Each structure stands twice: as C-alpha cells, then as structure tokens.
C-alpha cells in the first residue's frame, strides 16, 4: 500500500486507512492562510505531508503566540476525533513554512474515536 507521507495516517491499521483514503484530498496551501478560525465549526481535518501548521493562541490584548505545531507526524482538527466539531475558542491554525502540502478529509468522514 502506498504511504500517505503523514506519519499519523501511515500508522493507522490498514482497514481504517482504507476507509479514509477515498475521502482524502491532496492540496497545496498558501503561506499564512488561516485553516481553522477560533470558535468556528471545523469543516475538515488536515494531515500535513510537508511543511507545518502553527497552532496560535490569541491573547486578550490582540497579540498572538504560537502554542503548538503540526507537521507530518500529526494533524489539525483533533477535536473532531474526540467528538467535537467546533474549533477551540482561543486557538487557530495557520499555514507555515515552504512546501505546504497536506491531505484534507471532511469532518463527516471521521468517526469520533476512529483515529
């Protein structure tokens, strides 16, 4: 079976990955694009295959600080797997770094607890 280039997806049992494959869409994203707005419904879960996604916390004074990153080892949208489809109110995901490719899957294709 062909690897996805995302280490999290590639570690799934073959049956789970086979179930997700038809729903995965490869995309290249513009630098600095906001992928998930804070407190808004999550429309898709993103699995980076190159580059990285910054997870940014917004402060009360309007400043922002990077509190995490997701690269080829992870995903953006873990709350969907945990059964929630709303983005965390204080956080947003932003595209960082060159070679910004990822695999995207719509929320409806993921069952809570399946990944």
PDB file of N, CA and C in Angstrom:
ATOM      1  N   UNK A   1       0.849  -1.187   0.000  1.00  0.00           N
ATOM      2  CA  UNK A   1       0.000   0.000   0.000  1.00  0.00           C
ATOM      3  C   UNK A   1       0.887   1.240   0.000  1.00  0.00           C
ATOM      4  N   UNK A   2       0.520   2.215  -0.747  1.00  0.00           N
ATOM      5  CA  UNK A   2       1.259   3.461  -0.901  1.00  0.00           C
ATOM      6  C   UNK A   2       1.150   4.314   0.366  1.00  0.00           C
ATOM      7  N   UNK A   3       2.289   4.825   0.902  1.00  0.00           N
ATOM      8  CA  UNK A   3       2.223   5.676   2.091  1.00  0.00           C
ATOM      9  C   UNK A   3       1.598   7.037   1.762  1.00  0.00           C
ATOM     10  N   UNK A   4       1.044   7.669   2.788  1.00  0.00           N
ATOM     11  CA  UNK A   4       0.420   8.983   2.616  1.00  0.00           C
ATOM     12  C   UNK A   4       1.416  10.118   2.810  1.00  0.00           C
ATOM     13  N   UNK A   5       2.559   9.844   3.408  1.00  0.00           N
ATOM     14  CA  UNK A   5       3.562  10.827   3.816  1.00  0.00           C
ATOM     15  C   UNK A   5       3.167  11.590   5.072  1.00  0.00           C
ATOM     16  N   UNK A   6       2.089  11.184   5.724  1.00  0.00           N
ATOM     17  CA  UNK A   6       1.739  11.694   7.042  1.00  0.00           C
ATOM     18  C   UNK A   6       1.910  10.528   8.005  1.00  0.00           C
ATOM     19  N   UNK A   7       2.784  10.689   8.983  1.00  0.00           N
ATOM     20  CA  UNK A   7       3.129   9.567   9.861  1.00  0.00           C
ATOM     21  C   UNK A   7       1.955   9.082  10.696  1.00  0.00           C
ATOM     22  N   UNK A   8       1.064   9.975  11.084  1.00  0.00           N
ATOM     23  CA  UNK A   8      -0.107   9.565  11.857  1.00  0.00           C
ATOM     24  C   UNK A   8      -1.014   8.671  11.009  1.00  0.00           C
ATOM     25  N   UNK A   9      -1.329   9.114   9.797  1.00  0.00           N
ATOM     26  CA  UNK A   9      -2.161   8.299   8.914  1.00  0.00           C
ATOM     27  C   UNK A   9      -1.496   6.968   8.580  1.00  0.00           C
ATOM     28  N   UNK A  10      -0.186   7.005   8.343  1.00  0.00           N
ATOM     29  CA  UNK A  10       0.521   5.785   7.957  1.00  0.00           C
ATOM     30  C   UNK A  10       0.601   4.766   9.092  1.00  0.00           C
ATOM     31  N   UNK A  11       0.334   5.184  10.333  1.00  0.00           N
ATOM     32  CA  UNK A  11       0.332   4.257  11.465  1.00  0.00           C
ATOM     33  C   UNK A  11      -1.046   3.653  11.740  1.00  0.00           C
ATOM     34  N   UNK A  12      -2.064   4.120  11.037  1.00  0.00           N
ATOM     35  CA  UNK A  12      -3.407   3.549  11.232  1.00  0.00           C
ATOM     36  C   UNK A  12      -3.433   2.102  10.771  1.00  0.00           C
ATOM     37  N   UNK A  13      -4.287   1.278  11.383  1.00  0.00           N
ATOM     38  CA  UNK A  13      -4.469  -0.077  10.864  1.00  0.00           C
ATOM     39  C   UNK A  13      -4.940   0.006   9.402  1.00  0.00           C
ATOM     40  N   UNK A  14      -4.523  -0.933   8.557  1.00  0.00           N
ATOM     41  CA  UNK A  14      -4.862  -0.870   7.132  1.00  0.00           C
ATOM     42  C   UNK A  14      -6.357  -0.670   6.847  1.00  0.00           C
ATOM     43  N   UNK A  15      -7.222  -1.291   7.592  1.00  0.00           N
ATOM     44  CA  UNK A  15      -8.661  -1.133   7.365  1.00  0.00           C
ATOM     45  C   UNK A  15      -9.149   0.285   7.604  1.00  0.00           C
ATOM     46  N   UNK A  16      -8.627   0.934   8.655  1.00  0.00           N
ATOM     47  CA  UNK A  16      -9.018   2.315   8.949  1.00  0.00           C
ATOM     48  C   UNK A  16      -8.506   3.266   7.870  1.00  0.00           C
ATOM     49  N   UNK A  17      -7.263   3.090   7.462  1.00  0.00           N
ATOM     50  CA  UNK A  17      -6.703   3.944   6.420  1.00  0.00           C
ATOM     51  C   UNK A  17      -7.445   3.724   5.101  1.00  0.00           C
ATOM     52  N   UNK A  18      -7.764   2.486   4.775  1.00  0.00           N
ATOM     53  CA  UNK A  18      -8.524   2.194   3.547  1.00  0.00           C
ATOM     54  C   UNK A  18      -9.883   2.884   3.564  1.00  0.00           C
ATOM     55  N   UNK A  19     -10.516   2.956   4.734  1.00  0.00           N
ATOM     56  CA  UNK A  19     -11.817   3.623   4.855  1.00  0.00           C
ATOM     57  C   UNK A  19     -11.701   5.122   4.630  1.00  0.00           C
ATOM     58  N   UNK A  20     -10.569   5.721   5.046  1.00  0.00           N
ATOM     59  CA  UNK A  20     -10.375   7.162   4.886  1.00  0.00           C
ATOM     60  C   UNK A  20      -9.855   7.553   3.500  1.00  0.00           C
ATOM     61  N   UNK A  21      -9.093   6.685   2.858  1.00  0.00           N
ATOM     62  CA  UNK A  21      -8.440   7.045   1.584  1.00  0.00           C
ATOM     63  C   UNK A  21      -9.360   7.687   0.549  1.00  0.00           C
ATOM     64  N   UNK A  22     -10.563   7.175   0.319  1.00  0.00           N
ATOM     65  CA  UNK A  22     -11.416   7.811  -0.693  1.00  0.00           C
ATOM     66  C   UNK A  22     -11.815   9.245  -0.345  1.00  0.00           C
ATOM     67  N   UNK A  23     -11.689   9.613   0.927  1.00  0.00           N
ATOM     68  CA  UNK A  23     -12.089  10.946   1.378  1.00  0.00           C
ATOM     69  C   UNK A  23     -10.921  11.919   1.463  1.00  0.00           C
ATOM     70  N   UNK A  24      -9.699  11.435   1.300  1.00  0.00           N
ATOM     71  CA  UNK A  24      -8.510  12.283   1.400  1.00  0.00           C
ATOM     72  C   UNK A  24      -8.291  13.055   0.104  1.00  0.00           C
ATOM     73  N   UNK A  25      -8.062  14.343   0.225  1.00  0.00           N
ATOM     74  CA  UNK A  25      -7.797  15.218  -0.914  1.00  0.00           C
ATOM     75  C   UNK A  25      -6.457  15.907  -0.688  1.00  0.00           C
ATOM     76  N   UNK A  26      -5.550  15.817  -1.659  1.00  0.00           N
ATOM     77  CA  UNK A  26      -4.254  16.485  -1.553  1.00  0.00           C
ATOM     78  C   UNK A  26      -4.395  17.934  -2.006  1.00  0.00           C
ATOM     79  N   UNK A  27      -3.809  18.848  -1.255  1.00  0.00           N
ATOM     80  CA  UNK A  27      -3.864  20.275  -1.575  1.00  0.00           C
ATOM     81  C   UNK A  27      -2.541  20.941  -1.215  1.00  0.00           C
ATOM     82  N   UNK A  28      -2.246  22.027  -1.903  1.00  0.00           N
ATOM     83  CA  UNK A  28      -1.135  22.904  -1.548  1.00  0.00           C
ATOM     84  C   UNK A  28      -1.761  24.197  -1.035  1.00  0.00           C
ATOM     85  N   UNK A  29      -1.278  24.669   0.093  1.00  0.00           N
ATOM     86  CA  UNK A  29      -1.890  25.832   0.739  1.00  0.00           C
ATOM     87  C   UNK A  29      -0.989  27.056   0.666  1.00  0.00           C
ATOM     88  N   UNK A  30      -1.584  28.230   0.535  1.00  0.00           N
ATOM     89  CA  UNK A  30      -0.784  29.458   0.561  1.00  0.00           C
ATOM     90  C   UNK A  30      -0.214  29.704   1.960  1.00  0.00           C
ATOM     91  N   UNK A  31       0.993  30.241   1.996  1.00  0.00           N
ATOM     92  CA  UNK A  31       1.634  30.600   3.248  1.00  0.00           C
ATOM     93  C   UNK A  31       0.759  31.587   4.021  1.00  0.00           C
ATOM     94  N   UNK A  32       0.678  31.408   5.321  1.00  0.00           N
ATOM     95  CA  UNK A  32      -0.072  32.268   6.253  1.00  0.00           C
ATOM     96  C   UNK A  32      -1.590  32.153   6.146  1.00  0.00           C
ATOM     97  N   UNK A  33      -2.101  31.199   5.386  1.00  0.00           N
ATOM     98  CA  UNK A  33      -3.551  31.016   5.317  1.00  0.00           C
ATOM     99  C   UNK A  33      -4.056  30.482   6.659  1.00  0.00           C
ATOM    100  N   UNK A  34      -5.148  31.060   7.160  1.00  0.00           N
ATOM    101  CA  UNK A  34      -5.786  30.553   8.369  1.00  0.00           C
ATOM    102  C   UNK A  34      -6.639  29.356   7.984  1.00  0.00           C
ATOM    103  N   UNK A  35      -6.404  28.236   8.641  1.00  0.00           N
ATOM    104  CA  UNK A  35      -7.079  26.985   8.304  1.00  0.00           C
ATOM    105  C   UNK A  35      -8.293  26.719   9.174  1.00  0.00           C
ATOM    106  N   UNK A  36      -8.215  27.107  10.416  1.00  0.00           N
ATOM    107  CA  UNK A  36      -9.352  26.971  11.327  1.00  0.00           C
ATOM    108  C   UNK A  36      -9.467  28.263  12.113  1.00  0.00           C
ATOM    109  N   UNK A  37     -10.626  28.882  11.997  1.00  0.00           N
ATOM    110  CA  UNK A  37     -10.883  30.099  12.773  1.00  0.00           C
ATOM    111  C   UNK A  37     -11.282  29.694  14.187  1.00  0.00           C
ATOM    112  N   UNK A  38     -10.829  30.457  15.143  1.00  0.00           N
ATOM    113  CA  UNK A  38     -11.147  30.120  16.536  1.00  0.00           C
ATOM    114  C   UNK A  38     -12.643  30.218  16.798  1.00  0.00           C
ATOM    115  N   UNK A  39     -13.169  29.198  17.469  1.00  0.00           N
ATOM    116  CA  UNK A  39     -14.566  29.159  17.860  1.00  0.00           C
ATOM    117  C   UNK A  39     -15.551  28.869  16.735  1.00  0.00           C
ATOM    118  N   UNK A  40     -15.069  28.585  15.526  1.00  0.00           N
ATOM    119  CA  UNK A  40     -15.940  28.320  14.370  1.00  0.00           C
ATOM    120  C   UNK A  40     -16.043  26.821  14.129  1.00  0.00           C
ATOM    121  N   UNK A  41     -17.090  26.367  13.423  1.00  0.00           N
ATOM    122  CA  UNK A  41     -17.187  24.932  13.103  1.00  0.00           C
ATOM    123  C   UNK A  41     -15.993  24.463  12.277  1.00  0.00           C
ATOM    124  N   UNK A  42     -15.515  23.275  12.589  1.00  0.00           N
ATOM    125  CA  UNK A  42     -14.419  22.657  11.845  1.00  0.00           C
ATOM    126  C   UNK A  42     -15.026  21.944  10.648  1.00  0.00           C
ATOM    127  N   UNK A  43     -14.593  22.300   9.454  1.00  0.00           N
ATOM    128  CA  UNK A  43     -15.139  21.712   8.233  1.00  0.00           C
ATOM    129  C   UNK A  43     -14.304  20.548   7.717  1.00  0.00           C
ATOM    130  N   UNK A  44     -13.006  20.559   8.046  1.00  0.00           N
ATOM    131  CA  UNK A  44     -12.144  19.466   7.602  1.00  0.00           C
ATOM    132  C   UNK A  44     -10.997  19.278   8.584  1.00  0.00           C
ATOM    133  N   UNK A  45     -10.469  18.072   8.582  1.00  0.00           N
ATOM    134  CA  UNK A  45      -9.311  17.727   9.385  1.00  0.00           C
ATOM    135  C   UNK A  45      -8.126  17.684   8.424  1.00  0.00           C
ATOM    136  N   UNK A  46      -7.001  18.254   8.837  1.00  0.00           N
ATOM    137  CA  UNK A  46      -5.843  18.372   7.952  1.00  0.00           C
ATOM    138  C   UNK A  46      -4.688  17.531   8.466  1.00  0.00           C
ATOM    139  N   UNK A  47      -4.081  16.780   7.557  1.00  0.00           N
ATOM    140  CA  UNK A  47      -2.931  15.937   7.851  1.00  0.00           C
ATOM    141  C   UNK A  47      -1.758  16.430   7.014  1.00  0.00           C
ATOM    142  N   UNK A  48      -0.847  17.224   7.583  1.00  0.00           N
ATOM    143  CA  UNK A  48       0.277  17.732   6.793  1.00  0.00           C
ATOM    144  C   UNK A  48       1.138  16.600   6.232  1.00  0.00           C
ATOM    145  N   UNK A  49       1.575  16.758   4.991  1.00  0.00           N
ATOM    146  CA  UNK A  49       2.514  15.823   4.371  1.00  0.00           C
ATOM    147  C   UNK A  49       3.853  16.499   4.119  1.00  0.00           C
ATOM    148  N   UNK A  50       3.906  17.802   4.249  1.00  0.00           N
ATOM    149  CA  UNK A  50       5.145  18.584   4.222  1.00  0.00           C
ATOM    150  C   UNK A  50       4.825  19.940   4.830  1.00  0.00           C
ATOM    151  N   UNK A  51       5.854  20.686   5.189  1.00  0.00           N
ATOM    152  CA  UNK A  51       5.617  21.969   5.843  1.00  0.00           C
ATOM    153  C   UNK A  51       5.061  21.751   7.240  1.00  0.00           C
ATOM    154  N   UNK A  52       4.457  22.778   7.787  1.00  0.00           N
ATOM    155  CA  UNK A  52       3.864  22.657   9.117  1.00  0.00           C
ATOM    156  C   UNK A  52       2.736  23.660   9.294  1.00  0.00           C
ATOM    157  N   UNK A  53       1.911  23.379  10.283  1.00  0.00           N
ATOM    158  CA  UNK A  53       0.795  24.246  10.650  1.00  0.00           C
ATOM    159  C   UNK A  53       1.079  24.759  12.057  1.00  0.00           C
ATOM    160  N   UNK A  54       1.021  26.069  12.242  1.00  0.00           N
ATOM    161  CA  UNK A  54       1.161  26.662  13.569  1.00  0.00           C
ATOM    162  C   UNK A  54      -0.191  26.694  14.252  1.00  0.00           C
ATOM    163  N   UNK A  55      -0.198  26.354  15.519  1.00  0.00           N
ATOM    164  CA  UNK A  55      -1.405  26.489  16.333  1.00  0.00           C
ATOM    165  C   UNK A  55      -1.160  27.716  17.208  1.00  0.00           C
ATOM    166  N   UNK A  56      -1.995  28.722  17.007  1.00  0.00           N
ATOM    167  CA  UNK A  56      -1.761  30.052  17.560  1.00  0.00           C
ATOM    168  C   UNK A  56      -2.860  30.393  18.567  1.00  0.00           C
ATOM    169  N   UNK A  57      -2.447  30.861  19.744  1.00  0.00           N
ATOM    170  CA  UNK A  57      -3.387  31.344  20.764  1.00  0.00           C
ATOM    171  C   UNK A  57      -3.494  32.852  20.643  1.00  0.00           C
ATOM    172  N   UNK A  58      -4.707  33.353  20.732  1.00  0.00           N
ATOM    173  CA  UNK A  58      -4.947  34.788  20.677  1.00  0.00           C
ATOM    174  C   UNK A  58      -5.087  35.311  22.105  1.00  0.00           C
ATOM    175  N   UNK A  59      -4.333  36.355  22.419  1.00  0.00           N
ATOM    176  CA  UNK A  59      -4.345  36.937  23.751  1.00  0.00           C
ATOM    177  C   UNK A  59      -5.443  38.002  23.839  1.00  0.00           C
ATOM    178  N   UNK A  60      -5.818  38.365  25.039  1.00  0.00           N
ATOM    179  CA  UNK A  60      -6.861  39.376  25.241  1.00  0.00           C
ATOM    180  C   UNK A  60      -6.504  40.720  24.618  1.00  0.00           C
ATOM    181  N   UNK A  61      -5.205  41.053  24.602  1.00  0.00           N
ATOM    182  CA  UNK A  61      -4.787  42.345  24.056  1.00  0.00           C
ATOM    183  C   UNK A  61      -4.619  42.323  22.533  1.00  0.00           C
ATOM    184  N   UNK A  62      -4.980  41.196  21.898  1.00  0.00           N
ATOM    185  CA  UNK A  62      -4.883  41.085  20.447  1.00  0.00           C
ATOM    186  C   UNK A  62      -3.595  40.468  19.950  1.00  0.00           C
ATOM    187  N   UNK A  63      -2.620  40.322  20.818  1.00  0.00           N
ATOM    188  CA  UNK A  63      -1.364  39.677  20.434  1.00  0.00           C
ATOM    189  C   UNK A  63      -1.609  38.178  20.256  1.00  0.00           C
ATOM    190  N   UNK A  64      -0.724  37.529  19.531  1.00  0.00           N
ATOM    191  CA  UNK A  64      -0.841  36.091  19.339  1.00  0.00           C
ATOM    192  C   UNK A  64       0.480  35.425  19.692  1.00  0.00           C
ATOM    193  N   UNK A  65       0.397  34.147  20.073  1.00  0.00           N
ATOM    194  CA  UNK A  65       1.585  33.388  20.416  1.00  0.00           C
ATOM    195  C   UNK A  65       1.409  31.958  19.912  1.00  0.00           C
ATOM    196  N   UNK A  66       2.466  31.403  19.323  1.00  0.00           N
ATOM    197  CA  UNK A  66       2.407  30.022  18.853  1.00  0.00           C
ATOM    198  C   UNK A  66       2.465  29.099  20.062  1.00  0.00           C
ATOM    199  N   UNK A  67       1.496  28.205  20.174  1.00  0.00           N
ATOM    200  CA  UNK A  67       1.440  27.284  21.307  1.00  0.00           C
ATOM    201  C   UNK A  67       1.651  25.838  20.877  1.00  0.00           C
ATOM    202  N   UNK A  68       1.722  25.602  19.584  1.00  0.00           N
ATOM    203  CA  UNK A  68       1.950  24.248  19.098  1.00  0.00           C
ATOM    204  C   UNK A  68       2.151  24.245  17.602  1.00  0.00           C
ATOM    205  N   UNK A  69       2.585  23.103  17.098  1.00  0.00           N
ATOM    206  CA  UNK A  69       2.732  22.927  15.665  1.00  0.00           C
ATOM    207  C   UNK A  69       2.250  21.539  15.286  1.00  0.00           C
ATOM    208  N   UNK A  70       1.848  21.395  14.049  1.00  0.00           N
ATOM    209  CA  UNK A  70       1.505  20.084  13.491  1.00  0.00           C
ATOM    210  C   UNK A  70       2.276  19.944  12.198  1.00  0.00           C
ATOM    211  N   UNK A  71       3.035  18.884  12.112  1.00  0.00           N
ATOM    212  CA  UNK A  71       3.775  18.586  10.894  1.00  0.00           C
ATOM    213  C   UNK A  71       3.377  17.220  10.388  1.00  0.00           C
ATOM    214  N   UNK A  72       4.290  16.554   9.702  1.00  0.00           N
ATOM    215  CA  UNK A  72       3.999  15.251   9.102  1.00  0.00           C
ATOM    216  C   UNK A  72       3.651  14.184  10.128  1.00  0.00           C
ATOM    217  N   UNK A  73       3.903  14.445  11.401  1.00  0.00           N
ATOM    218  CA  UNK A  73       3.611  13.466  12.442  1.00  0.00           C
ATOM    219  C   UNK A  73       2.207  13.616  13.012  1.00  0.00           C
ATOM    220  N   UNK A  74       1.452  14.622  12.583  1.00  0.00           N
ATOM    221  CA  UNK A  74       0.194  14.904  13.268  1.00  0.00           C
ATOM    222  C   UNK A  74      -0.930  15.366  12.384  1.00  0.00           C
ATOM    223  N   UNK A  75      -1.779  16.181  12.986  1.00  0.00           N
ATOM    224  CA  UNK A  75      -2.997  16.637  12.312  1.00  0.00           C
ATOM    225  C   UNK A  75      -3.485  17.934  12.942  1.00  0.00           C
ATOM    226  N   UNK A  76      -4.359  18.625  12.233  1.00  0.00           N
ATOM    227  CA  UNK A  76      -5.082  19.775  12.770  1.00  0.00           C
ATOM    228  C   UNK A  76      -6.554  19.398  12.749  1.00  0.00           C
ATOM    229  N   UNK A  77      -7.199  19.450  13.900  1.00  0.00           N
ATOM    230  CA  UNK A  77      -8.611  19.089  13.986  1.00  0.00           C
ATOM    231  C   UNK A  77      -8.853  17.904  14.894  1.00  0.00           C
ATOM    232  N   UNK A  78      -7.964  17.683  15.850  1.00  0.00           N
ATOM    233  CA  UNK A  78      -8.088  16.532  16.747  1.00  0.00           C
ATOM    234  C   UNK A  78      -9.414  16.545  17.503  1.00  0.00           C
ATOM    235  N   UNK A  79     -10.009  17.723  17.701  1.00  0.00           N
ATOM    236  CA  UNK A  79     -11.278  17.786  18.434  1.00  0.00           C
ATOM    237  C   UNK A  79     -12.381  17.004  17.727  1.00  0.00           C
ATOM    238  N   UNK A  80     -12.295  16.852  16.408  1.00  0.00           N
ATOM    239  CA  UNK A  80     -13.291  16.073  15.661  1.00  0.00           C
ATOM    240  C   UNK A  80     -13.213  14.605  16.056  1.00  0.00           C
ATOM    241  N   UNK A  81     -12.000  14.092  16.195  1.00  0.00           N
ATOM    242  CA  UNK A  81     -11.813  12.699  16.597  1.00  0.00           C
ATOM    243  C   UNK A  81     -12.347  12.485  18.012  1.00  0.00           C
ATOM    244  N   UNK A  82     -12.299  13.533  18.831  1.00  0.00           N
ATOM    245  CA  UNK A  82     -12.782  13.450  20.206  1.00  0.00           C
ATOM    246  C   UNK A  82     -14.274  13.740  20.323  1.00  0.00           C
ATOM    247  N   UNK A  83     -14.942  13.970  19.182  1.00  0.00           N
ATOM    248  CA  UNK A  83     -16.386  14.126  19.189  1.00  0.00           C
ATOM    249  C   UNK A  83     -16.907  15.549  19.184  1.00  0.00           C
ATOM    250  N   UNK A  84     -16.049  16.545  18.946  1.00  0.00           N
ATOM    251  CA  UNK A  84     -16.469  17.939  18.934  1.00  0.00           C
ATOM    252  C   UNK A  84     -16.125  18.544  17.577  1.00  0.00           C
ATOM    253  N   UNK A  85     -17.044  19.284  16.974  1.00  0.00           N
ATOM    254  CA  UNK A  85     -16.756  19.858  15.651  1.00  0.00           C
ATOM    255  C   UNK A  85     -16.596  21.378  15.679  1.00  0.00           C
ATOM    256  N   UNK A  86     -16.354  21.945  16.864  1.00  0.00           N
ATOM    257  CA  UNK A  86     -16.129  23.387  16.990  1.00  0.00           C
ATOM    258  C   UNK A  86     -14.659  23.616  17.349  1.00  0.00           C
ATOM    259  N   UNK A  87     -14.026  24.549  16.661  1.00  0.00           N
ATOM    260  CA  UNK A  87     -12.641  24.891  16.935  1.00  0.00           C
ATOM    261  C   UNK A  87     -12.528  25.475  18.343  1.00  0.00           C
ATOM    262  N   UNK A  88     -11.416  25.245  18.979  1.00  0.00           N
ATOM    263  CA  UNK A  88     -11.181  25.760  20.328  1.00  0.00           C
ATOM    264  C   UNK A  88     -11.205  27.284  20.276  1.00  0.00           C
ATOM    265  N   UNK A  89     -11.993  27.947  21.138  1.00  0.00           N
ATOM    266  CA  UNK A  89     -12.198  29.392  21.031  1.00  0.00           C
ATOM    267  C   UNK A  89     -10.948  30.255  21.018  1.00  0.00           C
ATOM    268  N   UNK A  90      -9.907  29.888  21.746  1.00  0.00           N
ATOM    269  CA  UNK A  90      -8.730  30.756  21.822  1.00  0.00           C
ATOM    270  C   UNK A  90      -7.648  30.399  20.807  1.00  0.00           C
ATOM    271  N   UNK A  91      -7.853  29.351  19.992  1.00  0.00           N
ATOM    272  CA  UNK A  91      -6.805  28.883  19.096  1.00  0.00           C
ATOM    273  C   UNK A  91      -7.223  28.955  17.636  1.00  0.00           C
ATOM    274  N   UNK A  92      -6.243  29.104  16.745  1.00  0.00           N
ATOM    275  CA  UNK A  92      -6.482  28.988  15.317  1.00  0.00           C
ATOM    276  C   UNK A  92      -5.281  28.313  14.682  1.00  0.00           C
ATOM    277  N   UNK A  93      -5.472  27.702  13.515  1.00  0.00           N
ATOM    278  CA  UNK A  93      -4.388  27.041  12.795  1.00  0.00           C
ATOM    279  C   UNK A  93      -3.986  27.875  11.592  1.00  0.00           C
ATOM    280  N   UNK A  94      -2.674  28.065  11.400  1.00  0.00           N
ATOM    281  CA  UNK A  94      -2.147  28.906  10.327  1.00  0.00           C
ATOM    282  C   UNK A  94      -1.048  28.140   9.596  1.00  0.00           C
ATOM    283  N   UNK A  95      -1.032  28.214   8.254  1.00  0.00           N
ATOM    284  CA  UNK A  95      -0.012  27.548   7.452  1.00  0.00           C
ATOM    285  C   UNK A  95       1.328  28.254   7.622  1.00  0.00           C
ATOM    286  N   UNK A  96       2.371  27.480   7.861  1.00  0.00           N
ATOM    287  CA  UNK A  96       3.735  27.991   7.987  1.00  0.00           C
ATOM    288  C   UNK A  96       4.653  27.157   7.104  1.00  0.00           C
ATOM    289  N   UNK A  97       5.795  27.702   6.745  1.00  0.00           N
ATOM    290  CA  UNK A  97       6.891  27.013   6.089  1.00  0.00           C
ATOM    291  C   UNK A  97       6.604  26.679   4.624  1.00  0.00           C
ATOM    292  N   UNK A  98       7.661  26.516   3.872  1.00  0.00           N
ATOM    293  CA  UNK A  98       7.564  26.188   2.446  1.00  0.00           C
ATOM    294  C   UNK A  98       7.099  24.742   2.250  1.00  0.00           C
ATOM    295  N   UNK A  99       6.726  24.406   1.031  1.00  0.00           N
ATOM    296  CA  UNK A  99       6.263  23.060   0.678  1.00  0.00           C
ATOM    297  C   UNK A  99       5.074  22.670   1.551  1.00  0.00           C
ATOM    298  N   UNK A 100       4.028  23.442   1.488  1.00  0.00           N
ATOM    299  CA  UNK A 100       2.881  23.321   2.378  1.00  0.00           C
ATOM    300  C   UNK A 100       1.821  22.408   1.785  1.00  0.00           C
ATOM    301  N   UNK A 101       2.086  21.129   1.742  1.00  0.00           N
ATOM    302  CA  UNK A 101       1.105  20.183   1.222  1.00  0.00           C
ATOM    303  C   UNK A 101       0.456  19.451   2.383  1.00  0.00           C
ATOM    304  N   UNK A 102      -0.785  19.080   2.190  1.00  0.00           N
ATOM    305  CA  UNK A 102      -1.475  18.312   3.214  1.00  0.00           C
ATOM    306  C   UNK A 102      -2.554  17.468   2.562  1.00  0.00           C
ATOM    307  N   UNK A 103      -3.065  16.536   3.336  1.00  0.00           N
ATOM    308  CA  UNK A 103      -4.233  15.765   2.941  1.00  0.00           C
ATOM    309  C   UNK A 103      -5.388  16.256   3.796  1.00  0.00           C
ATOM    310  N   UNK A 104      -6.512  16.494   3.164  1.00  0.00           N
ATOM    311  CA  UNK A 104      -7.687  17.020   3.855  1.00  0.00           C
ATOM    312  C   UNK A 104      -8.784  15.975   3.799  1.00  0.00           C
ATOM    313  N   UNK A 105      -9.526  15.842   4.879  1.00  0.00           N
ATOM    314  CA  UNK A 105     -10.675  14.946   4.912  1.00  0.00           C
ATOM    315  C   UNK A 105     -11.828  15.699   5.578  1.00  0.00           C
ATOM    316  N   UNK A 106     -13.002  15.597   4.991  1.00  0.00           N
ATOM    317  CA  UNK A 106     -14.182  16.274   5.536  1.00  0.00           C
ATOM    318  C   UNK A 106     -14.560  15.670   6.883  1.00  0.00           C
ATOM    319  N   UNK A 107     -15.085  16.496   7.756  1.00  0.00           N
ATOM    320  CA  UNK A 107     -15.456  16.073   9.104  1.00  0.00           C
ATOM    321  C   UNK A 107     -16.395  14.877   9.077  1.00  0.00           C
ATOM    322  N   UNK A 108     -17.348  14.843   8.162  1.00  0.00           N
ATOM    323  CA  UNK A 108     -18.342  13.762   8.134  1.00  0.00           C
ATOM    324  C   UNK A 108     -17.721  12.388   7.872  1.00  0.00           C
ATOM    325  N   UNK A 109     -16.502  12.352   7.349  1.00  0.00           N
ATOM    326  CA  UNK A 109     -15.852  11.077   7.030  1.00  0.00           C
ATOM    327  C   UNK A 109     -15.114  10.490   8.224  1.00  0.00           C
ATOM    328  N   UNK A 110     -15.030  11.218   9.326  1.00  0.00           N
ATOM    329  CA  UNK A 110     -14.306  10.754  10.507  1.00  0.00           C
ATOM    330  C   UNK A 110     -15.291  10.467  11.620  1.00  0.00           C
ATOM    331  N   UNK A 111     -15.168   9.275  12.181  1.00  0.00           N
ATOM    332  CA  UNK A 111     -15.972   8.908  13.340  1.00  0.00           C
ATOM    333  C   UNK A 111     -15.184   9.243  14.604  1.00  0.00           C
ATOM    334  N   UNK A 112     -15.856   9.782  15.598  1.00  0.00           N
ATOM    335  CA  UNK A 112     -15.180  10.075  16.855  1.00  0.00           C
ATOM    336  C   UNK A 112     -14.505   8.807  17.366  1.00  0.00           C
ATOM    337  N   UNK A 113     -13.250   8.941  17.756  1.00  0.00           N
ATOM    338  CA  UNK A 113     -12.505   7.813  18.278  1.00  0.00           C
ATOM    339  C   UNK A 113     -11.906   6.897  17.242  1.00  0.00           C
ATOM    340  N   UNK A 114     -12.019   7.232  15.947  1.00  0.00           N
ATOM    341  CA  UNK A 114     -11.547   6.304  14.913  1.00  0.00           C
ATOM    342  C   UNK A 114     -10.067   6.436  14.604  1.00  0.00           C
ATOM    343  N   UNK A 115      -9.446   7.545  14.945  1.00  0.00           N
ATOM    344  CA  UNK A 115      -8.025   7.715  14.622  1.00  0.00           C
ATOM    345  C   UNK A 115      -7.220   7.621  15.898  1.00  0.00           C
TER     346      UNK A 115
END
